Structures are given as C-alpha cells and as structure tokens.
Amino acid sequence: MKGTKAKVEQKQVAEKKAAKRKPANEAQAKRQMKKEKKAKKDPNKPKRPPSAFFVFLDEFRKEYKKANPTANSVSAVGKAGGEKWRTMSDGDKAPFVAKAEKKKAEYEKSLSSYNKQQDASPEEVAEESDKSKSEINDEEDDESGEEEDDE
C-alpha cells in the first residue's frame, strides 16, 4: 500500500509542475498565447456559404453512395468527387457555380442583417424581439393602406 500512495503523490507533484511549466520553445508559446487570446465564436453568426465544389460534392456524394453502398470511407468519396470535378468542363460546372453564387448572395444578406443587429442598440433589439411576426405584418399592412376582409 505504501508504494501506491507514493506513486500517486509523485503523479500529483508532476501534474502541478506540468501546469506551471513554461513552453519548450517560442512556437509553443505563441500557440498558447493565441489560444488564450482567441475570441469565442458567436453561434448566431451565419455560416459561410459553400463553394461551387462543395455544392457539387453534396450532390455527388448522394450518387456515389447509391453506386457504391459498401464504401464507408469519407476520403474515398472525396477523392472520387475531386477527380470528377477536375475532369468536368466549365459548362458542366456552371450549374454548381450558379448555386454557389446564389448561396453566397443569401449569406451576404443574412450577414448584413446580422451585422446591423450587432450594431443596433440593445433597446432596439429588445423592442423588435418583443413583437410577434403577426404584429410586424399588421404594421406593414397599415402603412401600405391595404386591409384584408375576413369572410
């Protein structure tokens, strides 16, 4: 029993030293500083849109799974998709590029509204969130002068 207690104490002392230990070189010190300084990501911020290749890969993955149901490797699907993308002409890539541009435009709209919301004062944000969508729609109808008849 004495031996195990001594080993536990040695481990605890080693862990304390490791926690206080300085990084071995400058690169490790820089990485450690970056981790400490790095700001947390906002979960409400819109995700970046996929590129044309990833739009293509999304559709290609479905086709590949149907053709090769036993292929479970993600890397195999990625390699096959990359190979097909390289062999495609610009005309074949055009629909995927168009979809990617459309998603990029949607992203830019949502990002601008997100940035406006971040810049807005907390009072304005609270006021908007207190109103339901129907109240907002009612206000828009009142402004435009349109009225709906209930039958």
N, C-alpha and C. Protein backbone atom coordinates (compact mmCIF):
# COMPACT_ATOMS: atom_id res chain seq x y z
N MET A 1 0.81 -1.20 0.00
CA MET A 1 0.00 0.00 0.00
C MET A 1 0.85 1.26 0.00
N LYS A 2 1.99 1.21 0.69
CA LYS A 2 2.85 2.38 0.76
C LYS A 2 3.34 2.79 -0.62
N GLY A 3 3.66 1.81 -1.44
CA GLY A 3 4.21 2.08 -2.77
C GLY A 3 3.21 2.80 -3.66
N THR A 4 1.95 2.41 -3.61
CA THR A 4 0.94 3.04 -4.45
C THR A 4 0.67 4.48 -4.01
N LYS A 5 0.72 4.72 -2.71
CA LYS A 5 0.49 6.06 -2.20
C LYS A 5 1.61 6.99 -2.66
N ALA A 6 2.81 6.50 -2.63
CA ALA A 6 3.96 7.30 -3.06
C ALA A 6 3.86 7.62 -4.55
N LYS A 7 3.40 6.66 -5.35
CA LYS A 7 3.26 6.87 -6.79
C LYS A 7 2.19 7.93 -7.08
N VAL A 8 1.11 7.87 -6.33
CA VAL A 8 0.03 8.85 -6.51
C VAL A 8 0.54 10.24 -6.18
N GLU A 9 1.31 10.36 -5.10
CA GLU A 9 1.86 11.66 -4.72
C GLU A 9 2.84 12.17 -5.77
N GLN A 10 3.63 11.27 -6.34
CA GLN A 10 4.59 11.66 -7.38
C GLN A 10 3.85 12.17 -8.62
N LYS A 11 2.76 11.49 -8.97
CA LYS A 11 1.97 11.92 -10.12
C LYS A 11 1.38 13.31 -9.90
N GLN A 12 0.87 13.54 -8.69
CA GLN A 12 0.28 14.84 -8.37
C GLN A 12 1.32 15.95 -8.45
N VAL A 13 2.52 15.69 -7.94
CA VAL A 13 3.60 16.67 -7.99
C VAL A 13 3.99 16.94 -9.44
N ALA A 14 4.06 15.88 -10.26
CA ALA A 14 4.42 16.03 -11.67
C ALA A 14 3.35 16.83 -12.42
N GLU A 15 2.08 16.60 -12.11
CA GLU A 15 1.00 17.34 -12.75
C GLU A 15 1.06 18.82 -12.39
N LYS A 16 1.37 19.14 -11.15
CA LYS A 16 1.48 20.52 -10.73
C LYS A 16 2.63 21.21 -11.45
N LYS A 17 3.74 20.50 -11.59
CA LYS A 17 4.88 21.06 -12.30
C LYS A 17 4.55 21.27 -13.76
N ALA A 18 3.83 20.33 -14.37
CA ALA A 18 3.46 20.44 -15.79
C ALA A 18 2.55 21.63 -16.01
N ALA A 19 1.67 21.89 -15.08
CA ALA A 19 0.75 23.02 -15.21
C ALA A 19 1.49 24.35 -15.14
N LYS A 20 2.56 24.41 -14.35
CA LYS A 20 3.32 25.64 -14.20
C LYS A 20 4.45 25.75 -15.22
N ARG A 21 4.75 24.66 -15.89
CA ARG A 21 5.88 24.60 -16.80
C ARG A 21 5.70 25.56 -17.97
N LYS A 22 6.79 26.21 -18.34
CA LYS A 22 6.78 27.11 -19.48
C LYS A 22 6.92 26.28 -20.75
N PRO A 23 6.42 26.78 -21.88
CA PRO A 23 6.56 26.06 -23.14
C PRO A 23 8.03 25.87 -23.50
N ALA A 24 8.32 24.77 -24.18
CA ALA A 24 9.70 24.41 -24.50
C ALA A 24 10.33 25.37 -25.50
N ASN A 25 9.56 25.87 -26.45
CA ASN A 25 10.13 26.78 -27.43
C ASN A 25 9.16 27.92 -27.74
N GLU A 26 9.60 28.83 -28.59
CA GLU A 26 8.80 30.01 -28.89
C GLU A 26 7.51 29.68 -29.64
N ALA A 27 7.57 28.69 -30.53
CA ALA A 27 6.38 28.32 -31.31
C ALA A 27 5.26 27.84 -30.39
N GLN A 28 5.62 27.03 -29.41
CA GLN A 28 4.61 26.56 -28.46
C GLN A 28 4.08 27.72 -27.63
N ALA A 29 4.93 28.66 -27.28
CA ALA A 29 4.50 29.82 -26.51
C ALA A 29 3.51 30.66 -27.31
N LYS A 30 3.78 30.84 -28.62
CA LYS A 30 2.87 31.60 -29.46
C LYS A 30 1.52 30.91 -29.57
N ARG A 31 1.52 29.59 -29.77
CA ARG A 31 0.26 28.84 -29.86
C ARG A 31 -0.54 28.98 -28.58
N GLN A 32 0.15 28.90 -27.45
CA GLN A 32 -0.53 29.01 -26.17
C GLN A 32 -1.14 30.41 -26.01
N MET A 33 -0.43 31.44 -26.44
CA MET A 33 -0.93 32.81 -26.35
C MET A 33 -2.15 32.99 -27.26
N LYS A 34 -2.12 32.41 -28.47
CA LYS A 34 -3.23 32.53 -29.39
C LYS A 34 -4.47 31.88 -28.82
N LYS A 35 -4.31 30.72 -28.19
CA LYS A 35 -5.46 30.03 -27.60
C LYS A 35 -6.10 30.89 -26.52
N GLU A 36 -5.27 31.56 -25.75
CA GLU A 36 -5.80 32.38 -24.66
C GLU A 36 -6.49 33.63 -25.21
N LYS A 37 -5.95 34.22 -26.28
CA LYS A 37 -6.50 35.45 -26.84
C LYS A 37 -7.70 35.22 -27.74
N LYS A 38 -7.82 34.05 -28.31
CA LYS A 38 -8.83 33.77 -29.32
C LYS A 38 -10.24 34.01 -28.77
N ALA A 39 -11.00 34.80 -29.49
CA ALA A 39 -12.36 35.12 -29.08
C ALA A 39 -13.28 33.94 -29.40
N LYS A 40 -14.30 33.79 -28.59
CA LYS A 40 -15.25 32.72 -28.83
C LYS A 40 -16.14 33.09 -30.00
N LYS A 41 -16.53 32.08 -30.79
CA LYS A 41 -17.37 32.32 -31.95
C LYS A 41 -18.82 32.54 -31.51
N ASP A 42 -19.48 33.42 -32.22
CA ASP A 42 -20.88 33.71 -31.94
C ASP A 42 -21.73 32.64 -32.62
N PRO A 43 -22.54 31.89 -31.88
CA PRO A 43 -23.35 30.84 -32.50
C PRO A 43 -24.46 31.39 -33.40
N ASN A 44 -24.79 32.68 -33.28
CA ASN A 44 -25.85 33.27 -34.10
C ASN A 44 -25.34 33.78 -35.44
N LYS A 45 -24.03 33.86 -35.58
CA LYS A 45 -23.46 34.37 -36.83
C LYS A 45 -23.72 33.37 -37.95
N PRO A 46 -24.14 33.84 -39.12
CA PRO A 46 -24.45 32.92 -40.22
C PRO A 46 -23.20 32.18 -40.70
N LYS A 47 -23.40 30.94 -41.11
CA LYS A 47 -22.28 30.13 -41.61
C LYS A 47 -21.91 30.59 -43.01
N ARG A 48 -20.64 30.46 -43.33
CA ARG A 48 -20.18 30.84 -44.67
C ARG A 48 -20.76 29.90 -45.70
N PRO A 49 -21.00 30.40 -46.92
CA PRO A 49 -21.61 29.56 -47.95
C PRO A 49 -20.59 28.59 -48.54
N PRO A 50 -21.05 27.45 -49.05
CA PRO A 50 -20.13 26.50 -49.67
C PRO A 50 -19.68 27.00 -51.04
N SER A 51 -18.50 26.57 -51.43
CA SER A 51 -18.01 26.92 -52.76
C SER A 51 -18.72 26.03 -53.79
N ALA A 52 -18.47 26.31 -55.07
CA ALA A 52 -19.10 25.52 -56.13
C ALA A 52 -18.72 24.05 -56.01
N PHE A 53 -17.47 23.80 -55.64
CA PHE A 53 -17.03 22.41 -55.50
C PHE A 53 -17.82 21.69 -54.41
N PHE A 54 -18.05 22.34 -53.30
CA PHE A 54 -18.78 21.68 -52.22
C PHE A 54 -20.27 21.51 -52.54
N VAL A 55 -20.82 22.41 -53.34
CA VAL A 55 -22.19 22.22 -53.81
C VAL A 55 -22.24 20.98 -54.70
N PHE A 56 -21.24 20.86 -55.58
CA PHE A 56 -21.13 19.67 -56.44
C PHE A 56 -20.94 18.41 -55.60
N LEU A 57 -20.05 18.49 -54.63
CA LEU A 57 -19.73 17.32 -53.80
C LEU A 57 -20.95 16.84 -53.03
N ASP A 58 -21.80 17.76 -52.63
CA ASP A 58 -23.02 17.40 -51.91
C ASP A 58 -23.90 16.48 -52.76
N GLU A 59 -24.07 16.85 -54.03
CA GLU A 59 -24.87 16.03 -54.94
C GLU A 59 -24.13 14.76 -55.34
N PHE A 60 -22.82 14.88 -55.57
CA PHE A 60 -22.02 13.74 -55.98
C PHE A 60 -22.01 12.66 -54.89
N ARG A 61 -21.98 13.09 -53.64
CA ARG A 61 -21.94 12.15 -52.52
C ARG A 61 -23.17 11.24 -52.54
N LYS A 62 -24.34 11.80 -52.85
CA LYS A 62 -25.58 11.01 -52.92
C LYS A 62 -25.49 9.97 -54.04
N GLU A 63 -25.01 10.41 -55.20
CA GLU A 63 -24.87 9.49 -56.33
C GLU A 63 -23.86 8.39 -56.02
N TYR A 64 -22.76 8.77 -55.42
CA TYR A 64 -21.69 7.82 -55.11
C TYR A 64 -22.16 6.77 -54.11
N LYS A 65 -22.94 7.19 -53.13
CA LYS A 65 -23.47 6.25 -52.12
C LYS A 65 -24.41 5.24 -52.77
N LYS A 66 -25.21 5.70 -53.76
CA LYS A 66 -26.11 4.77 -54.45
C LYS A 66 -25.32 3.78 -55.29
N ALA A 67 -24.30 4.25 -55.97
CA ALA A 67 -23.50 3.39 -56.84
C ALA A 67 -22.59 2.46 -56.03
N ASN A 68 -22.10 2.92 -54.89
CA ASN A 68 -21.18 2.14 -54.05
C ASN A 68 -21.70 2.09 -52.62
N PRO A 69 -22.70 1.27 -52.34
CA PRO A 69 -23.27 1.26 -50.98
C PRO A 69 -22.31 0.72 -49.92
N THR A 70 -21.29 -0.02 -50.32
CA THR A 70 -20.36 -0.58 -49.34
C THR A 70 -19.23 0.38 -49.00
N ALA A 71 -19.06 1.45 -49.75
CA ALA A 71 -17.99 2.41 -49.50
C ALA A 71 -18.37 3.29 -48.31
N ASN A 72 -17.66 3.12 -47.21
CA ASN A 72 -17.95 3.89 -46.00
C ASN A 72 -16.93 5.00 -45.76
N SER A 73 -15.85 4.99 -46.52
CA SER A 73 -14.77 5.93 -46.29
C SER A 73 -15.10 7.31 -46.85
N VAL A 74 -14.95 8.31 -46.01
CA VAL A 74 -15.19 9.69 -46.43
C VAL A 74 -14.12 10.11 -47.43
N SER A 75 -12.91 9.65 -47.19
CA SER A 75 -11.81 10.03 -48.09
C SER A 75 -12.01 9.47 -49.49
N ALA A 76 -12.59 8.28 -49.59
CA ALA A 76 -12.83 7.68 -50.91
C ALA A 76 -13.84 8.51 -51.70
N VAL A 77 -14.88 8.98 -51.04
CA VAL A 77 -15.89 9.81 -51.69
C VAL A 77 -15.26 11.14 -52.11
N GLY A 78 -14.46 11.71 -51.24
CA GLY A 78 -13.81 12.98 -51.54
C GLY A 78 -12.84 12.88 -52.71
N LYS A 79 -12.08 11.80 -52.74
CA LYS A 79 -11.13 11.61 -53.83
C LYS A 79 -11.85 11.41 -55.15
N ALA A 80 -12.90 10.60 -55.14
CA ALA A 80 -13.66 10.36 -56.37
C ALA A 80 -14.34 11.65 -56.83
N GLY A 81 -14.87 12.42 -55.91
CA GLY A 81 -15.52 13.68 -56.24
C GLY A 81 -14.52 14.69 -56.80
N GLY A 82 -13.36 14.76 -56.19
CA GLY A 82 -12.31 15.67 -56.67
C GLY A 82 -11.83 15.30 -58.05
N GLU A 83 -11.70 14.00 -58.29
CA GLU A 83 -11.27 13.53 -59.61
C GLU A 83 -12.30 13.89 -60.68
N LYS A 84 -13.58 13.69 -60.35
CA LYS A 84 -14.63 14.02 -61.32
C LYS A 84 -14.70 15.52 -61.56
N TRP A 85 -14.54 16.32 -60.51
CA TRP A 85 -14.60 17.78 -60.63
C TRP A 85 -13.49 18.29 -61.56
N ARG A 86 -12.29 17.70 -61.43
CA ARG A 86 -11.17 18.11 -62.28
C ARG A 86 -11.41 17.80 -63.74
N THR A 87 -12.12 16.70 -64.02
CA THR A 87 -12.35 16.31 -65.41
C THR A 87 -13.54 17.02 -66.04
N MET A 88 -14.36 17.69 -65.23
CA MET A 88 -15.54 18.38 -65.75
C MET A 88 -15.14 19.65 -66.49
N SER A 89 -15.91 19.98 -67.53
CA SER A 89 -15.67 21.23 -68.25
C SER A 89 -16.36 22.37 -67.51
N ASP A 90 -16.06 23.59 -67.93
CA ASP A 90 -16.67 24.76 -67.29
C ASP A 90 -18.19 24.76 -67.49
N GLY A 91 -18.62 24.24 -68.63
CA GLY A 91 -20.06 24.16 -68.90
C GLY A 91 -20.76 23.21 -67.94
N ASP A 92 -20.07 22.11 -67.60
CA ASP A 92 -20.64 21.15 -66.65
C ASP A 92 -20.66 21.72 -65.23
N LYS A 93 -19.70 22.57 -64.92
CA LYS A 93 -19.60 23.15 -63.58
C LYS A 93 -20.55 24.33 -63.38
N ALA A 94 -21.07 24.89 -64.48
CA ALA A 94 -21.87 26.11 -64.43
C ALA A 94 -23.06 26.05 -63.47
N PRO A 95 -23.86 24.94 -63.46
CA PRO A 95 -25.00 24.94 -62.52
C PRO A 95 -24.57 24.99 -61.05
N PHE A 96 -23.43 24.37 -60.77
CA PHE A 96 -22.94 24.36 -59.38
C PHE A 96 -22.40 25.74 -59.00
N VAL A 97 -21.77 26.40 -59.96
CA VAL A 97 -21.26 27.75 -59.72
C VAL A 97 -22.45 28.69 -59.48
N ALA A 98 -23.51 28.53 -60.26
CA ALA A 98 -24.69 29.38 -60.09
C ALA A 98 -25.33 29.17 -58.72
N LYS A 99 -25.43 27.91 -58.29
CA LYS A 99 -26.00 27.63 -56.97
C LYS A 99 -25.12 28.23 -55.87
N ALA A 100 -23.81 28.13 -56.05
CA ALA A 100 -22.88 28.67 -55.05
C ALA A 100 -23.01 30.19 -54.98
N GLU A 101 -23.16 30.85 -56.12
CA GLU A 101 -23.33 32.31 -56.14
C GLU A 101 -24.63 32.71 -55.47
N LYS A 102 -25.68 31.92 -55.69
CA LYS A 102 -26.97 32.20 -55.07
C LYS A 102 -26.85 32.08 -53.54
N LYS A 103 -26.18 31.03 -53.09
CA LYS A 103 -25.99 30.84 -51.65
C LYS A 103 -25.12 31.94 -51.07
N LYS A 104 -24.15 32.41 -51.85
CA LYS A 104 -23.29 33.49 -51.38
C LYS A 104 -24.09 34.78 -51.22
N ALA A 105 -24.99 35.05 -52.16
CA ALA A 105 -25.83 36.24 -52.07
C ALA A 105 -26.73 36.17 -50.82
N GLU A 106 -27.31 34.99 -50.57
CA GLU A 106 -28.14 34.81 -49.38
C GLU A 106 -27.31 35.02 -48.11
N TYR A 107 -26.07 34.50 -48.13
CA TYR A 107 -25.18 34.65 -46.98
C TYR A 107 -24.87 36.12 -46.73
N GLU A 108 -24.58 36.86 -47.80
CA GLU A 108 -24.26 38.28 -47.64
C GLU A 108 -25.44 39.06 -47.07
N LYS A 109 -26.66 38.70 -47.49
CA LYS A 109 -27.85 39.36 -46.93
C LYS A 109 -27.99 39.06 -45.45
N SER A 110 -27.85 37.79 -45.10
CA SER A 110 -28.01 37.41 -43.69
C SER A 110 -26.87 37.98 -42.85
N LEU A 111 -25.67 38.07 -43.43
CA LEU A 111 -24.55 38.64 -42.69
C LEU A 111 -24.75 40.13 -42.46
N SER A 112 -25.27 40.82 -43.46
CA SER A 112 -25.50 42.26 -43.27
C SER A 112 -26.59 42.49 -42.22
N SER A 113 -27.63 41.68 -42.22
CA SER A 113 -28.66 41.84 -41.20
C SER A 113 -28.11 41.47 -39.82
N TYR A 114 -27.23 40.48 -39.78
CA TYR A 114 -26.59 40.10 -38.51
C TYR A 114 -25.73 41.25 -38.00
N ASN A 115 -24.94 41.85 -38.90
CA ASN A 115 -24.08 42.96 -38.50
C ASN A 115 -24.90 44.17 -38.05
N LYS A 116 -26.02 44.44 -38.71
CA LYS A 116 -26.89 45.53 -38.29
C LYS A 116 -27.44 45.26 -36.89
N GLN A 117 -27.78 44.02 -36.67
CA GLN A 117 -28.32 43.64 -35.36
C GLN A 117 -27.25 43.79 -34.29
N GLN A 118 -26.00 43.48 -34.62
CA GLN A 118 -24.92 43.62 -33.66
C GLN A 118 -24.64 45.10 -33.36
N ASP A 119 -24.78 45.95 -34.38
CA ASP A 119 -24.52 47.37 -34.21
C ASP A 119 -25.67 48.10 -33.54
N ALA A 120 -26.88 47.53 -33.64
CA ALA A 120 -28.07 48.18 -33.07
C ALA A 120 -27.96 48.23 -31.55
N SER A 121 -28.62 49.21 -30.99
CA SER A 121 -28.61 49.33 -29.54
C SER A 121 -29.45 48.22 -28.93
N PRO A 122 -29.16 47.82 -27.72
CA PRO A 122 -29.92 46.74 -27.08
C PRO A 122 -31.41 47.04 -26.94
N GLU A 123 -31.77 48.33 -26.83
CA GLU A 123 -33.18 48.69 -26.70
C GLU A 123 -33.95 48.36 -27.97
N GLU A 124 -33.33 48.66 -29.15
CA GLU A 124 -33.98 48.39 -30.42
C GLU A 124 -34.17 46.90 -30.63
N VAL A 125 -33.15 46.13 -30.29
CA VAL A 125 -33.23 44.68 -30.46
C VAL A 125 -34.31 44.10 -29.56
N ALA A 126 -34.39 44.59 -28.31
CA ALA A 126 -35.40 44.10 -27.39
C ALA A 126 -36.79 44.45 -27.88
N GLU A 127 -36.94 45.65 -28.45
CA GLU A 127 -38.25 46.08 -28.95
C GLU A 127 -38.70 45.20 -30.11
N GLU A 128 -37.78 44.89 -31.02
CA GLU A 128 -38.12 44.05 -32.17
C GLU A 128 -38.46 42.63 -31.73
N SER A 129 -37.73 42.11 -30.77
CA SER A 129 -37.96 40.74 -30.36
C SER A 129 -39.26 40.59 -29.56
N ASP A 130 -39.73 41.68 -28.93
CA ASP A 130 -40.97 41.63 -28.18
C ASP A 130 -42.18 41.51 -29.09
N LYS A 131 -42.05 42.01 -30.31
CA LYS A 131 -43.17 41.96 -31.24
C LYS A 131 -43.20 40.60 -31.94
N SER A 132 -44.39 40.09 -32.09
CA SER A 132 -44.52 38.84 -32.83
C SER A 132 -44.52 39.15 -34.32
N LYS A 133 -44.35 38.16 -35.15
CA LYS A 133 -44.34 38.36 -36.60
C LYS A 133 -45.67 38.91 -37.09
N SER A 134 -46.76 38.48 -36.48
CA SER A 134 -48.06 38.96 -36.92
C SER A 134 -48.21 40.45 -36.64
N GLU A 135 -47.67 40.93 -35.50
CA GLU A 135 -47.73 42.35 -35.20
C GLU A 135 -46.92 43.15 -36.21
N ILE A 136 -45.79 42.64 -36.59
CA ILE A 136 -44.95 43.33 -37.56
C ILE A 136 -45.65 43.37 -38.91
N ASN A 137 -46.27 42.25 -39.30
CA ASN A 137 -47.00 42.21 -40.56
C ASN A 137 -48.20 43.15 -40.52
N ASP A 138 -48.87 43.25 -39.39
CA ASP A 138 -50.00 44.16 -39.25
C ASP A 138 -49.54 45.60 -39.45
N GLU A 139 -48.38 45.95 -38.89
CA GLU A 139 -47.86 47.30 -39.04
C GLU A 139 -47.56 47.60 -40.51
N GLU A 140 -46.99 46.63 -41.21
CA GLU A 140 -46.66 46.83 -42.62
C GLU A 140 -47.94 47.01 -43.44
N ASP A 141 -49.00 46.26 -43.12
CA ASP A 141 -50.26 46.38 -43.83
C ASP A 141 -50.88 47.76 -43.58
N ASP A 142 -50.80 48.24 -42.36
CA ASP A 142 -51.35 49.54 -42.02
C ASP A 142 -50.63 50.66 -42.79
N GLU A 143 -49.33 50.52 -42.92
CA GLU A 143 -48.54 51.54 -43.62
C GLU A 143 -48.86 51.57 -45.10
N SER A 144 -49.10 50.41 -45.69
CA SER A 144 -49.35 50.36 -47.13
C SER A 144 -50.80 50.69 -47.48
N GLY A 145 -51.67 50.73 -46.48
CA GLY A 145 -53.07 51.09 -46.71
C GLY A 145 -53.93 49.94 -47.16
N GLU A 146 -53.41 48.75 -47.11
CA GLU A 146 -54.19 47.58 -47.51
C GLU A 146 -54.91 47.01 -46.32
N GLU A 147 -56.11 46.54 -46.56
CA GLU A 147 -56.87 45.87 -45.49
C GLU A 147 -57.39 44.56 -46.02
N GLU A 148 -57.44 43.59 -45.15
CA GLU A 148 -57.95 42.27 -45.56
C GLU A 148 -59.34 42.09 -44.98
N ASP A 149 -60.23 41.49 -45.79
CA ASP A 149 -61.59 41.23 -45.33
C ASP A 149 -61.67 39.81 -44.82
N ASP A 150 -62.28 39.63 -43.66
CA ASP A 150 -62.49 38.27 -43.12
C ASP A 150 -63.84 37.77 -43.60
N GLU A 151 -63.86 36.58 -44.14
CA GLU A 151 -65.12 36.03 -44.64
C GLU A 151 -65.57 34.89 -43.78
